[in-house]
Amino acid sequence: VLVKELQALALDVELMQQPGAVKEDSGVI
């Protein structure tokens, strides 16, 4: 489970550096 959370965190950070449209898409996390 920890690895999954880390991957989600990494994804979140990666999306934060991209246009807001992409971030909104995965804002469910």
Protein backbone atom coordinates (compact mmCIF):
# COMPACT_ATOMS: atom_id res chain seq x y z
CA VAL A 1 0.00 0.00 0.00
CA LEU A 2 2.88 2.34 0.80
CA VAL A 3 4.29 2.03 -2.71
CA LYS A 4 0.88 2.79 -4.16
CA GLU A 5 0.63 5.94 -2.04
CA LEU A 6 4.10 7.02 -3.10
CA GLN A 7 3.20 6.54 -6.75
CA ALA A 8 0.04 8.59 -6.28
CA LEU A 9 2.07 11.31 -4.57
CA ALA A 10 4.63 11.36 -7.38
CA LEU A 11 1.79 11.55 -9.91
CA ASP A 12 0.18 14.40 -7.99
CA VAL A 13 3.43 16.38 -7.92
CA GLU A 14 4.03 15.69 -11.60
CA LEU A 15 0.54 16.88 -12.49
CA MET A 16 0.94 19.98 -10.34
CA GLN A 17 3.82 21.04 -12.61
CA GLN A 18 1.55 20.70 -15.66
CA PRO A 19 -1.37 22.85 -16.86
CA GLY A 20 -4.31 23.09 -14.46
CA ALA A 21 -6.57 21.15 -16.82
CA VAL A 22 -4.60 17.96 -16.19
CA LYS A 23 -4.48 18.58 -12.44
CA GLU A 24 -8.24 18.98 -12.32
CA ASP A 25 -8.64 15.62 -14.03
CA SER A 26 -6.92 13.72 -11.21
CA GLY A 27 -8.00 16.01 -8.38
CA VAL A 28 -9.87 13.03 -6.97
CA ILE A 29 -6.68 11.82 -5.30
